[in-house]
Amino acid sequence: MCVAQVRGLADRLAPFPREETPVADALTYADQTVGPNGRVMDFEQRLEDMLRRHGPDSPNAKAQRQRTPRLRAAVRRVERRLDDTADPPADPHDEGAPGHERR
């Protein structure tokens, strides 16, 4: 919404509630960690790239102070979720799982 405010579009977006869900975080993460040519970038690189491409007087640059903390928080939440799922618990039905020894 920050860029929309700078562009004078906040009123037009007002009827749409802000999504604050894991899905919204995932969409933000996808947008903020992939560059315009599909190159994977970390969040800080993506911010630098955006400012370089759009310029210091762009709506994105003008909204950066407001939007960066929100974007960074969403990226961090997704990274935590990804870390939490990196080592999923063992399938209890797997015969090789601990506690499922053959007798």
Protein backbone atom coordinates (compact mmCIF):
# COMPACT_ATOMS: atom_id res chain seq x y z
CA MET A 1 0.00 0.00 0.00
CA CYS A 2 2.94 2.36 0.58
CA VAL A 3 3.70 2.80 -3.13
CA ALA A 4 -0.02 3.19 -3.80
CA GLN A 5 -0.13 6.04 -1.27
CA VAL A 6 2.78 7.80 -2.98
CA ARG A 7 1.02 7.39 -6.32
CA GLY A 8 -2.25 8.74 -4.91
CA LEU A 9 -4.06 5.41 -5.25
CA ALA A 10 -4.65 4.56 -1.59
CA ASP A 11 -8.37 5.42 -1.80
CA ARG A 12 -8.85 3.03 -4.70
CA LEU A 13 -7.23 0.19 -2.75
CA ALA A 14 -9.04 0.95 0.53
CA PRO A 15 -11.91 -1.51 -0.16
CA PHE A 16 -9.42 -4.36 -0.25
CA PRO A 17 -8.30 -5.50 3.20
CA ARG A 18 -4.58 -5.97 3.76
CA GLU A 19 -3.75 -9.66 3.79
CA GLU A 20 -1.56 -10.64 6.72
CA THR A 21 -1.33 -14.37 6.13
CA PRO A 22 1.42 -16.89 5.38
CA VAL A 23 0.28 -16.84 1.74
CA ALA A 24 0.68 -13.06 1.54
CA ASP A 25 4.13 -13.42 3.13
CA ALA A 26 5.06 -16.07 0.56
CA LEU A 27 3.99 -13.83 -2.32
CA THR A 28 6.01 -10.94 -0.88
CA TYR A 29 8.99 -13.26 -0.40
CA ALA A 30 8.77 -14.42 -4.02
CA ASP A 31 8.60 -10.83 -5.24
CA GLN A 32 11.41 -9.61 -3.00
CA THR A 33 13.93 -12.40 -3.61
CA VAL A 34 13.81 -12.68 -7.40
CA GLY A 35 15.05 -9.97 -9.73
CA PRO A 36 13.41 -8.76 -12.91
CA ASN A 37 15.28 -11.33 -15.01
CA GLY A 38 14.41 -14.24 -12.74
CA ARG A 39 17.74 -14.12 -10.90
CA VAL A 40 17.57 -15.16 -7.25
CA MET A 41 18.70 -12.32 -4.97
CA ASP A 42 18.68 -11.73 -1.26
CA PHE A 43 16.35 -9.06 0.07
CA GLU A 44 18.99 -6.33 0.43
CA GLN A 45 20.23 -6.92 -3.13
CA ARG A 46 16.65 -6.71 -4.38
CA LEU A 47 16.13 -3.34 -2.67
CA GLU A 48 19.34 -1.98 -4.16
CA ASP A 49 18.38 -3.29 -7.59
CA MET A 50 14.93 -1.70 -7.39
CA LEU A 51 16.34 1.69 -6.44
CA ARG A 52 18.97 1.51 -9.17
CA ARG A 53 16.42 0.59 -11.85
CA HIS A 54 13.61 2.93 -10.78
CA GLY A 55 15.74 5.83 -9.57
CA PRO A 56 15.76 7.93 -6.40
CA ASP A 57 12.69 9.97 -7.37
CA SER A 58 10.47 6.97 -8.17
CA PRO A 59 7.36 6.14 -6.12
CA ASN A 60 9.16 2.99 -4.94
CA ALA A 61 12.08 5.04 -3.63
CA LYS A 62 9.77 7.57 -1.98
CA ALA A 63 7.88 4.78 -0.22
CA GLN A 64 11.01 2.84 0.74
CA ARG A 65 11.23 4.10 4.32
CA GLN A 66 7.65 2.99 5.03
CA ARG A 67 7.64 -0.25 3.09
CA THR A 68 11.08 -1.72 3.78
CA PRO A 69 10.41 -2.79 7.39
CA ARG A 70 7.14 -4.43 6.34
CA LEU A 71 8.74 -6.24 3.41
CA ARG A 72 11.76 -7.30 5.47
CA ALA A 73 9.48 -8.71 8.18
CA ALA A 74 7.53 -10.78 5.63
CA VAL A 75 10.75 -12.12 4.09
CA ARG A 76 12.07 -13.09 7.54
CA ARG A 77 8.83 -14.85 8.46
CA VAL A 78 9.03 -16.96 5.31
CA GLU A 79 12.70 -17.73 5.89
CA ARG A 80 11.85 -18.91 9.41
CA ARG A 81 9.05 -21.08 8.06
CA LEU A 82 11.41 -22.55 5.49
CA ASP A 83 14.02 -23.24 8.17
CA ASP A 84 11.37 -24.91 10.34
CA THR A 85 10.43 -27.26 7.51
CA ALA A 86 13.99 -28.03 6.39
CA ASP A 87 14.14 -31.12 8.62
CA PRO A 88 10.59 -32.49 8.71
CA PRO A 89 9.80 -35.01 11.42
CA ALA A 90 10.29 -38.64 10.49
CA ASP A 91 7.29 -40.49 9.13
CA PRO A 92 6.13 -42.76 11.97
CA HIS A 93 5.09 -45.35 9.38
CA ASP A 94 8.59 -45.50 7.95
CA GLU A 95 10.20 -48.75 9.05
CA GLY A 96 13.55 -46.99 9.34
CA ALA A 97 12.18 -44.31 11.67
CA PRO A 98 13.37 -44.26 15.29
CA GLY A 99 11.02 -46.21 17.54
CA HIS A 100 9.96 -48.47 14.70
CA GLU A 101 12.60 -51.12 15.10
CA ARG A 102 11.91 -54.60 13.85
CA ARG A 103 11.28 -57.19 16.52
